[in-house]
Structures are given as structure tokens and as C-alpha cells.
Protein backbone atom coordinates (compact mmCIF):
# COMPACT_ATOMS: atom_id res chain seq x y z
CA MET A 1 0.00 0.01 0.01
CA ARG A 2 2.81 2.44 0.90
CA ALA A 3 4.55 1.74 -2.42
CA ASP A 4 1.35 2.22 -4.43
CA LEU A 5 0.56 5.52 -2.67
CA LYS A 6 4.08 6.76 -3.34
CA GLN A 7 3.96 5.75 -6.99
CA LEU A 8 0.43 7.02 -7.75
CA PHE A 9 0.20 10.16 -5.60
CA ASN A 10 3.84 10.83 -4.57
CA VAL A 11 2.72 10.71 -0.91
CA ASN A 12 4.74 9.22 1.95
CA VAL A 13 2.40 7.40 4.34
CA SER A 14 3.55 5.70 7.56
CA TYR A 15 3.32 1.97 8.05
CA GLY A 16 0.96 2.51 11.01
CA LYS A 17 -1.50 4.58 8.97
CA CYS A 18 -1.61 1.96 6.21
CA LYS A 19 -2.20 -0.76 8.80
CA ARG A 20 -5.10 1.18 10.40
CA ALA A 21 -6.61 1.94 6.98
CA LYS A 22 -6.42 -1.72 5.99
CA ARG A 23 -8.16 -2.74 9.23
CA LEU A 24 -10.99 -0.20 8.67
CA ILE A 25 -11.46 -1.39 5.05
CA LEU A 26 -11.61 -5.05 6.10
CA GLU A 27 -14.11 -4.25 8.85
CA LYS A 28 -16.29 -2.45 6.31
CA LEU A 29 -16.06 -5.36 3.86
CA GLU A 30 -16.91 -7.86 6.57
CA GLY A 31 -19.96 -5.78 7.42
CA SER A 32 -21.13 -5.90 3.80
CA PHE A 33 -20.78 -9.68 3.80
CA THR A 34 -22.94 -9.91 6.93
CA ASP A 35 -25.46 -7.33 5.66
CA ASP A 36 -26.06 -9.37 2.51
CA TYR A 37 -27.45 -12.28 4.53
CA LYS A 38 -29.94 -9.92 6.19
CA LYS A 39 -31.25 -8.93 2.73
CA LEU A 40 -31.31 -12.46 1.32
CA GLU A 41 -35.05 -13.07 1.80
CA ALA A 42 -35.85 -9.86 -0.08
CA CYS A 43 -33.51 -10.97 -2.87
CA ALA A 44 -35.26 -14.36 -3.03
CA ASN A 45 -38.68 -12.69 -3.26
CA GLU A 46 -37.45 -10.48 -6.11
CA LEU A 47 -36.18 -13.56 -7.97
CA ARG A 48 -39.56 -15.27 -7.54
CA ASP A 49 -41.43 -12.20 -8.77
CA THR A 50 -39.26 -11.69 -11.85
CA ASN A 51 -38.88 -15.43 -12.68
CA PRO A 52 -42.34 -17.03 -12.09
CA ARG A 53 -42.40 -20.78 -11.33
CA SER A 54 -38.71 -20.77 -10.39
CA ASP A 55 -37.61 -22.68 -7.30
CA ILE A 56 -35.89 -20.40 -4.77
CA VAL A 57 -35.46 -22.15 -1.38
CA ILE A 58 -33.83 -20.71 1.75
CA ASN A 59 -33.22 -22.79 4.87
CA LEU A 60 -32.45 -21.34 8.31
CA THR A 61 -30.63 -23.14 11.12
CA LYS A 62 -32.83 -24.91 13.67
CA ASP A 63 -30.71 -23.65 16.56
CA ALA A 64 -31.19 -20.05 15.45
CA LEU A 65 -34.95 -20.46 15.08
CA ALA A 66 -35.21 -22.01 18.53
CA GLY A 67 -33.39 -18.98 19.97
CA GLY A 68 -35.70 -16.57 18.20
CA LYS A 69 -33.06 -15.52 15.69
CA ARG A 70 -32.76 -15.94 11.93
CA LYS A 71 -29.47 -17.46 10.78
CA PHE A 72 -28.81 -18.53 7.18
CA LEU A 73 -27.99 -22.22 6.53
CA ARG A 74 -28.38 -22.86 2.78
CA MET A 75 -30.07 -21.66 -0.39
CA TYR A 76 -31.13 -23.38 -3.66
CA ILE A 77 -31.87 -21.70 -7.01
CA ARG A 78 -33.40 -23.21 -10.17
CA LEU A 79 -34.76 -20.69 -12.66
CA GLN A 80 -37.82 -21.63 -14.73
CA ALA A 81 -36.19 -20.73 -18.07
CA LEU A 82 -33.36 -23.20 -17.35
CA LYS A 83 -35.84 -25.98 -16.53
CA MET A 84 -37.71 -25.37 -19.77
CA GLY A 85 -34.47 -25.49 -21.77
CA PHE A 86 -33.38 -28.70 -20.05
CA ASN A 87 -36.70 -30.52 -20.54
CA LEU A 88 -37.26 -29.37 -24.13
CA GLY A 89 -33.79 -29.44 -25.65
CA LEU A 90 -31.09 -31.16 -23.60
CA ARG A 91 -30.02 -34.77 -23.28
CA PRO A 92 -30.77 -36.33 -19.86
CA PHE A 93 -27.18 -36.03 -18.68
CA VAL A 94 -26.23 -33.98 -15.57
CA GLY A 95 -22.84 -33.33 -13.97
CA LEU A 96 -22.63 -32.70 -10.20
CA ASP A 97 -19.83 -30.89 -8.41
CA GLY A 98 -19.07 -28.66 -5.44
CA THR A 99 -16.50 -25.95 -4.86
CA PHE A 100 -15.42 -23.60 -2.04
CA LEU A 101 -16.59 -20.04 -1.61
CA LYS A 102 -13.83 -17.51 -1.06
CA GLU A 103 -13.04 -14.61 1.29
CA LYS A 104 -15.43 -13.96 4.23
CA ALA A 105 -18.32 -16.03 2.87
CA ARG A 106 -17.29 -19.52 3.91
CA GLY A 107 -19.25 -22.41 2.54
CA GLN A 108 -19.68 -24.44 -0.63
CA LEU A 109 -21.33 -23.86 -3.99
CA LEU A 110 -23.06 -26.97 -5.39
CA VAL A 111 -23.94 -27.05 -9.10
CA ALA A 112 -25.89 -29.23 -11.49
CA VAL A 113 -24.75 -28.79 -15.11
CA GLY A 114 -26.03 -30.20 -18.39
CA LEU A 115 -24.64 -30.24 -21.92
CA ASP A 116 -26.46 -28.80 -24.93
CA SER A 117 -26.51 -30.27 -28.43
CA ASN A 118 -23.27 -28.43 -29.23
CA ASN A 119 -21.60 -30.06 -26.20
CA GLN A 120 -21.45 -26.73 -24.35
CA THR A 121 -22.17 -26.34 -20.64
CA TYR A 122 -25.68 -25.52 -19.49
CA PRO A 123 -26.05 -24.62 -15.77
CA ILE A 124 -29.31 -26.06 -14.46
CA ALA A 125 -29.36 -25.31 -10.73
CA TRP A 126 -27.01 -24.18 -7.98
CA ALA A 127 -27.00 -23.95 -4.21
CA VAL A 128 -25.01 -22.35 -1.39
CA VAL A 129 -24.48 -24.71 1.57
CA ASP A 130 -22.37 -24.71 4.69
CA LYS A 131 -20.44 -27.91 3.88
CA GLU A 132 -20.31 -30.56 1.17
CA THR A 133 -21.72 -33.54 3.05
CA LYS A 134 -24.13 -36.42 2.56
CA ARG A 135 -26.86 -34.32 4.14
CA THR A 136 -26.37 -31.29 1.86
CA TRP A 137 -26.13 -33.43 -1.27
CA THR A 138 -29.38 -35.21 -0.27
CA TRP A 139 -31.08 -31.84 0.22
CA PHE A 140 -29.76 -30.56 -3.14
CA LEU A 141 -30.72 -33.67 -5.14
CA GLU A 142 -34.19 -33.89 -3.56
CA LEU A 143 -34.85 -30.31 -4.65
CA LEU A 144 -33.38 -30.99 -8.11
CA GLN A 145 -35.58 -34.09 -8.37
CA ARG A 146 -38.74 -32.02 -7.71
CA SER A 147 -37.53 -29.09 -9.84
CA LEU A 148 -36.97 -31.18 -12.98
CA ASP A 149 -39.71 -33.78 -12.39
CA LEU A 150 -37.14 -36.58 -12.33
CA LYS A 151 -39.36 -39.02 -10.36
CA GLU A 152 -37.18 -42.04 -9.49
CA GLY A 153 -34.47 -41.06 -11.99
CA GLU A 154 -35.63 -43.18 -14.95
CA GLY A 155 -33.68 -42.35 -18.11
CA ILE A 156 -31.30 -39.80 -16.58
CA THR A 157 -27.54 -40.09 -16.06
CA PHE A 158 -25.44 -38.28 -13.46
CA MET A 159 -21.68 -37.79 -13.45
CA SER A 160 -19.55 -36.91 -10.46
CA GLU A 161 -16.08 -37.21 -9.02
CA MET A 162 -17.25 -39.75 -6.40
CA GLN A 163 -17.56 -37.09 -3.68
CA LYS A 164 -18.00 -38.31 -0.12
CA GLY A 165 -21.49 -39.71 0.33
CA LEU A 166 -22.69 -38.62 -3.13
CA ILE A 167 -22.79 -42.13 -4.64
CA GLU A 168 -25.06 -43.35 -1.84
CA VAL A 169 -27.20 -40.19 -2.05
CA VAL A 170 -27.83 -40.61 -5.79
CA ASN A 171 -28.80 -44.26 -5.19
CA ASN A 172 -31.20 -43.27 -2.41
CA VAL A 173 -32.85 -40.23 -3.97
CA LEU A 174 -32.89 -41.36 -7.64
CA PRO A 175 -32.54 -45.16 -7.47
CA ASN A 176 -33.38 -45.76 -11.16
CA SER A 177 -30.83 -43.27 -12.52
CA HIS A 178 -27.38 -44.08 -13.90
CA HIS A 179 -24.28 -42.72 -12.18
CA ARG A 180 -20.93 -42.32 -13.94
CA PHE A 181 -17.56 -41.68 -12.24
CA CYS A 182 -15.04 -39.22 -13.60
CA VAL A 183 -12.01 -41.13 -14.95
CA ARG A 184 -9.68 -38.29 -13.92
CA HIS A 185 -10.68 -38.89 -10.32
CA ILE A 186 -10.05 -42.62 -10.74
CA GLU A 187 -6.69 -41.77 -12.31
CA SER A 188 -5.64 -39.56 -9.40
CA ASN A 189 -6.41 -42.33 -6.92
CA TRP A 190 -5.34 -45.42 -8.87
CA CYS A 191 -2.14 -43.84 -10.22
CA LYS A 192 -0.90 -42.98 -6.72
CA LYS A 193 0.61 -46.48 -6.76
CA TRP A 194 1.02 -47.03 -10.52
CA ARG A 195 2.41 -43.70 -11.68
CA THR A 196 4.08 -44.54 -15.01
CA THR A 197 2.91 -43.05 -18.29
CA GLU A 198 2.18 -46.53 -19.61
CA PHE A 199 -0.33 -47.24 -16.83
CA LYS A 200 -2.05 -43.87 -17.35
CA LYS A 201 -2.27 -44.48 -21.08
CA LEU A 202 -3.78 -47.95 -20.63
CA LEU A 203 -6.26 -46.61 -18.06
CA TRP A 204 -7.60 -44.07 -20.51
CA TRP A 205 -7.63 -46.55 -23.37
CA SER A 206 -9.67 -48.82 -21.09
CA ALA A 207 -12.13 -46.01 -20.39
CA TRP A 208 -12.42 -45.13 -24.09
CA SER A 209 -13.07 -48.76 -25.12
CA SER A 210 -16.56 -48.71 -26.55
CA TYR A 211 -17.07 -52.50 -26.70
CA GLU A 212 -16.34 -55.27 -24.22
CA GLU A 213 -13.65 -57.14 -26.16
CA ASP A 214 -11.56 -54.00 -26.52
CA PHE A 215 -11.88 -53.26 -22.80
CA LYS A 216 -10.78 -56.80 -21.90
CA ASP A 217 -7.75 -56.41 -24.21
CA GLN A 218 -6.71 -53.19 -22.42
CA LEU A 219 -7.27 -54.77 -18.99
CA ARG A 220 -5.17 -57.75 -20.05
CA SER A 221 -2.36 -55.38 -21.06
CA ILE A 222 -2.48 -53.75 -17.60
CA GLY A 223 -2.42 -57.21 -16.00
CA GLU A 224 0.66 -58.20 -18.00
CA LEU A 225 2.46 -55.16 -16.54
CA ASP A 226 1.17 -55.73 -13.00
CA LYS A 227 -1.57 -58.17 -12.05
CA GLN A 228 -2.38 -56.27 -8.85
CA ALA A 229 -2.88 -53.03 -10.86
CA ALA A 230 -5.61 -54.69 -12.94
CA GLU A 231 -7.29 -56.09 -9.83
CA GLU A 232 -7.22 -52.71 -8.08
CA LEU A 233 -8.66 -51.00 -11.18
CA MET A 234 -11.60 -53.42 -11.27
CA LYS A 235 -12.59 -52.29 -7.78
CA TYR A 236 -14.04 -49.29 -9.60
CA PRO A 237 -17.10 -50.83 -11.37
CA PRO A 238 -16.49 -50.45 -15.15
CA GLN A 239 -20.23 -49.86 -15.64
CA ALA A 240 -19.59 -46.39 -14.17
CA TRP A 241 -16.52 -45.31 -16.17
CA CYS A 242 -15.91 -47.46 -19.26
CA LYS A 243 -17.70 -46.71 -22.56
CA ALA A 244 -18.25 -50.41 -23.20
CA TYR A 245 -20.72 -50.58 -20.32
CA LEU A 246 -22.20 -47.07 -20.15
CA ASP A 247 -25.93 -46.50 -20.63
CA THR A 248 -27.00 -45.39 -24.10
CA VAL A 249 -30.22 -43.55 -23.20
CA CYS A 250 -28.57 -40.14 -22.54
CA LYS A 251 -26.66 -40.19 -25.87
CA ASN A 252 -23.46 -38.96 -24.31
CA GLN A 253 -20.15 -40.81 -24.22
CA LYS A 254 -18.29 -38.58 -21.72
CA VAL A 255 -16.08 -40.31 -19.16
CA GLU A 256 -14.75 -37.21 -17.38
CA ASN A 257 -16.45 -34.42 -15.42
CA ASN A 258 -14.39 -31.52 -16.80
CA PHE A 259 -17.46 -29.68 -18.09
CA THR A 260 -18.87 -29.28 -14.57
CA GLU A 261 -15.52 -28.15 -13.19
CA SER A 262 -15.31 -25.56 -15.97
CA VAL A 263 -18.57 -24.00 -14.74
CA ASN A 264 -17.14 -23.72 -11.22
CA ALA A 265 -14.05 -22.03 -12.71
CA TRP A 266 -16.37 -19.73 -14.67
CA PHE A 267 -17.95 -18.69 -11.37
CA LEU A 268 -14.57 -18.13 -9.69
CA GLU A 269 -14.68 -14.33 -9.61
CA ALA A 270 -18.24 -14.37 -8.27
CA ARG A 271 -17.27 -16.76 -5.46
CA HIS A 272 -15.13 -13.98 -3.90
CA LYS A 273 -18.13 -11.68 -3.39
CA PRO A 274 -20.85 -11.32 -0.72
CA ILE A 275 -23.68 -13.80 -1.23
CA ILE A 276 -26.21 -11.53 -2.98
CA LYS A 277 -23.61 -10.05 -5.30
CA MET A 278 -22.31 -13.57 -6.01
CA LEU A 279 -25.76 -14.96 -6.83
CA GLU A 280 -26.61 -11.96 -8.97
CA GLU A 281 -23.35 -12.27 -10.94
CA ILE A 282 -24.04 -15.98 -11.53
CA ARG A 283 -27.58 -15.20 -12.72
CA VAL A 284 -26.38 -12.50 -15.13
CA LYS A 285 -23.58 -14.73 -16.43
CA VAL A 286 -26.04 -17.56 -17.16
CA MET A 287 -28.59 -15.17 -18.71
CA ASN A 288 -26.00 -13.65 -21.06
CA GLN A 289 -24.71 -17.08 -21.97
CA MET A 290 -28.20 -18.26 -22.94
CA ARG A 291 -28.71 -15.17 -25.09
CA GLU A 292 -25.37 -15.63 -26.88
CA ARG A 293 -26.09 -19.33 -27.48
CA GLU A 294 -29.52 -18.53 -28.89
CA GLU A 295 -27.99 -16.06 -31.32
CA ALA A 296 -25.40 -18.65 -32.37
CA VAL A 297 -28.08 -21.31 -33.01
CA ARG A 298 -29.95 -18.95 -35.33
CA SER A 299 -26.87 -18.93 -37.56
CA TRP A 300 -26.81 -22.72 -38.01
CA THR A 301 -27.46 -23.86 -41.56
CA ASN A 302 -29.34 -27.02 -40.53
CA GLU A 303 -30.77 -28.76 -37.47
CA LEU A 304 -27.48 -30.46 -36.56
CA SER A 305 -25.10 -28.67 -34.22
CA PRO A 306 -21.51 -27.85 -35.30
CA HIS A 307 -20.25 -30.35 -32.71
CA SER A 308 -22.37 -33.15 -34.19
CA LEU A 309 -21.26 -32.30 -37.70
CA GLU A 310 -17.60 -32.24 -36.66
CA LEU A 311 -17.93 -35.65 -35.02
CA TYR A 312 -19.70 -37.00 -38.11
CA LYS A 313 -16.86 -35.76 -40.35
CA LYS A 314 -14.29 -37.54 -38.20
CA TYR A 315 -16.28 -40.76 -38.42
CA LEU A 316 -16.64 -40.30 -42.19
CA LYS A 317 -12.83 -40.23 -42.60
CA ILE A 318 -12.60 -43.53 -40.74
CA ALA A 319 -15.53 -44.96 -42.71
CA ASN A 320 -13.65 -44.38 -45.97
CA LYS A 321 -11.07 -46.92 -44.76
CA CYS A 322 -13.70 -49.52 -43.78
CA HIS A 323 -15.03 -52.37 -45.94
CA VAL A 324 -18.47 -53.96 -46.17
CA HIS A 325 -18.21 -57.78 -46.22
CA SER A 326 -21.67 -59.23 -46.03
CA ASN A 327 -25.35 -58.43 -46.08
CA GLY A 328 -27.43 -60.59 -43.75
CA ASP A 329 -30.77 -60.48 -41.99
CA LEU A 330 -29.35 -58.34 -39.18
CA GLY A 331 -27.61 -55.84 -41.44
CA TYR A 332 -23.98 -55.51 -42.53
CA GLU A 333 -20.64 -56.83 -41.36
CA VAL A 334 -18.04 -54.09 -41.67
CA SER A 335 -14.30 -54.34 -41.05
CA GLU A 336 -12.05 -51.62 -39.70
CA GLY A 337 -8.49 -52.88 -39.83
CA LEU A 338 -8.42 -56.20 -37.99
CA ASP A 339 -11.74 -55.55 -36.20
CA ARG A 340 -15.14 -56.50 -37.56
CA HIS A 341 -18.49 -55.11 -36.44
CA THR A 342 -22.11 -55.87 -37.23
CA VAL A 343 -24.38 -52.98 -38.11
CA ASN A 344 -28.16 -53.37 -37.57
CA MET A 345 -29.77 -50.70 -39.74
CA THR A 346 -33.28 -51.43 -38.42
CA LEU A 347 -32.37 -50.88 -34.75
CA LYS A 348 -29.71 -48.27 -35.58
CA LYS A 349 -27.10 -50.17 -33.59
CA CYS A 350 -23.52 -51.31 -34.12
CA THR A 351 -21.48 -53.75 -32.06
CA CYS A 352 -18.88 -50.99 -31.56
CA ARG A 353 -21.66 -49.16 -29.57
CA ILE A 354 -20.64 -45.67 -30.75
CA TRP A 355 -23.93 -45.23 -32.65
CA ASP A 356 -25.81 -46.29 -29.52
CA LEU A 357 -23.78 -44.01 -27.23
CA THR A 358 -23.89 -40.81 -29.29
CA GLY A 359 -26.88 -41.10 -31.62
CA ILE A 360 -24.50 -40.25 -34.49
CA PRO A 361 -23.77 -43.01 -37.02
CA CYS A 362 -20.38 -44.58 -36.30
CA PRO A 363 -17.84 -45.26 -39.11
CA HIS A 364 -19.22 -48.78 -39.65
CA ALA A 365 -22.80 -47.46 -39.87
CA ILE A 366 -21.74 -44.71 -42.28
CA LYS A 367 -20.09 -47.30 -44.49
CA SER A 368 -23.29 -49.40 -44.45
CA ILE A 369 -25.41 -46.31 -45.21
CA GLN A 370 -23.14 -45.48 -48.14
CA HIS A 371 -23.49 -49.06 -49.37
CA MET A 372 -27.29 -48.73 -49.26
CA LYS A 373 -27.06 -45.30 -50.95
CA LEU A 374 -29.09 -43.62 -48.19
CA ASP A 375 -28.90 -40.14 -46.72
CA PRO A 376 -26.67 -40.44 -43.58
CA PHE A 377 -28.19 -37.33 -41.96
CA LYS A 378 -31.55 -39.07 -41.73
CA GLU A 379 -30.00 -41.84 -39.62
CA PHE A 380 -29.08 -39.65 -36.61
CA ASN A 381 -30.90 -40.69 -33.42
């Protein structure tokens, strides 16, 4: 502070004065953090008035209520426009994550994030809680369940970093949902003992294996390096992190939770502010993002997103190297190098499972479609 004052104003200020000024500023800032909590109910009412049918929930501590005082415990926000967008246009795939609040406002920010058709993040709901625990995750997911009409979780997939208690909470609140684990989290735990680049490479190849035989080959390669490493890896159920076993309803093949973490990073600056200013900055950020995305969609030349088209073009390059071998009752047998896969054109499935996972024809399906002289863009799920 002394150096800045000297440089900017050519003023010499004593160390003691700077120290007293700093203390006064911090006291004023702390007061603004406290004052925001007193105005939180009014802020919530304003949100409800300006965003009809939104879910804005504030909980107070039981101890404070018993003592005749009002003390903030946690708050949940789900705006109606975001629910409409999720139900009408997004795949049933939701990432869950929590992150720390900064400065004087201690606590955690919990978020639920979807992905739009262009594979871009779509914040759905967020909450401020005291701690990231089994209890707070239960509270958050129960509210999310009611907000999005998820019932018992049929047809929806969640992804998380296996936070403490969250796996059990998802099973209890939404027992019929699918739950994926972030492979980066598995890597950070599993690779504590097996740190070599070779092990990391085989782990990711295992996760990216879209059919069972390929996964078994990768697992066998890990076992050849270290049998115990393969056994330890299988303690993480492959149904939760390997493409070969993932559900195909949500049409998403992600095996890492980076997209949810990116939203928390996007909110970083807001997390340093008093609670009302933080929540308002998050709301404005999301509102502006939705407007920008809507403008971008209006410029699309067809109904397919740029991300889907880019993925299709990559598959098309691979398809040009594939060969159709037979035409049977179930469809076509197509070879890609040494591998052969069966394409069922009626069910829109391939034994490589990429078509099932993404809804976009895989290279083997594209080759079969070309063989039948059909329009490939009509075969998207």
C-alpha cells in the first residue's frame, strides 16, 4: 500500500496509517458480507417475482430459530427458463460438483450442469451450503428431483467425481438413474501407486473402449504389466466409467467431469463476493450465456449442431477406410483394420456401440449407409 501511494500520488504514508486503513477497510467489507445475509429473503422474493415458477429455497438453522433468531443455513436456485431449456432441448445427462466459496463467505457452492446439443455447458441449478456432506447433497438432489420432475431417475444419467457420500445419495434419492464416475478422479487415486505413463495411457484406453472385447484387451495389457494393478482398477465398477458398459439412453459418451468443473471455474470471480452479489453475478452470467447461445443457433445452416457435424466428419474419414463384407438379416458386417463389427440398420445399432452411445452413425454405420445409398443425416438418433 505504501509503495502504491508513493507511486500514484507521490505521498509518503507511515506503516501505522496503512495498517489502520487496511483494518478499517476489512471491517467495512466484513460488514457488507454480513449485511447481505440480512437482505437475502428480499432478494429471493425479487427472484420469484421476476422469474415465475422458479424454485428459490432458503433454509435457516434450527438452533437459530429455537433462539428466536434468523441465521442462514443454505439456499437453492433453479430458474424456470433453465428448466424449460433442459426438458425441451437437452439430453438427460447432468454433472454434479461442489467448490469452495472465497473470502469472508465460507461455505460451498453446489452445481448441477447439463450439456447442450453443441456439447457446451448448461447450468441447471445451484446452491449455497455450509459444507459438502451427505446431508447437503441429499437436500440438493431432492430439490433438483422435484424441480426437474425426475421421479425415481428413470432415463437420466449423473456424473460426479465420487464425492464423499454422493454415490449413496444418488442411489437413495434417484434409485433408477445411472451414475458415472469421472475417470480423472479414478486416475488420481489409482495412479498414486502405478504412476508410469504406460499405466495412465492404458487406463484411458480402457475408459475409451466402446465394446467389451476392446476393454478386456486393455485390462489384459495392464495385467501383464502388473496383475495387482488390474485387480485394483476393477474395484471401480467399469459400468460407471468405461464406454463399453455405459448406458445409451442419454446419448453422451463422456467419461470425465471436466465440463462441470469448468462452470465452477467460470464462477470463480463471483465466489469472492458477498452472497447476494455472487448470486446476482451468476444469474447474469447464465442469462447472457443463454442469449449468446440462442444467437449462435440462429446462424446454423441445418438442425445439426456444429459439434455433431464435426464428429460425423471424423467418423466419415474412418468410414472411408472400412469395408463392407456381407449383407445378412441383421444388417452388414463391416471391417475396420483387424476388427469386424455388425451394423443393424433397423435398430440403428452397431457392435462398436458408438452409434448407441452418441446417436450419431459410427464409421461402420456410415459405411453401411453409403453401401445402401441412403442419406446419412436421416440416420441420426
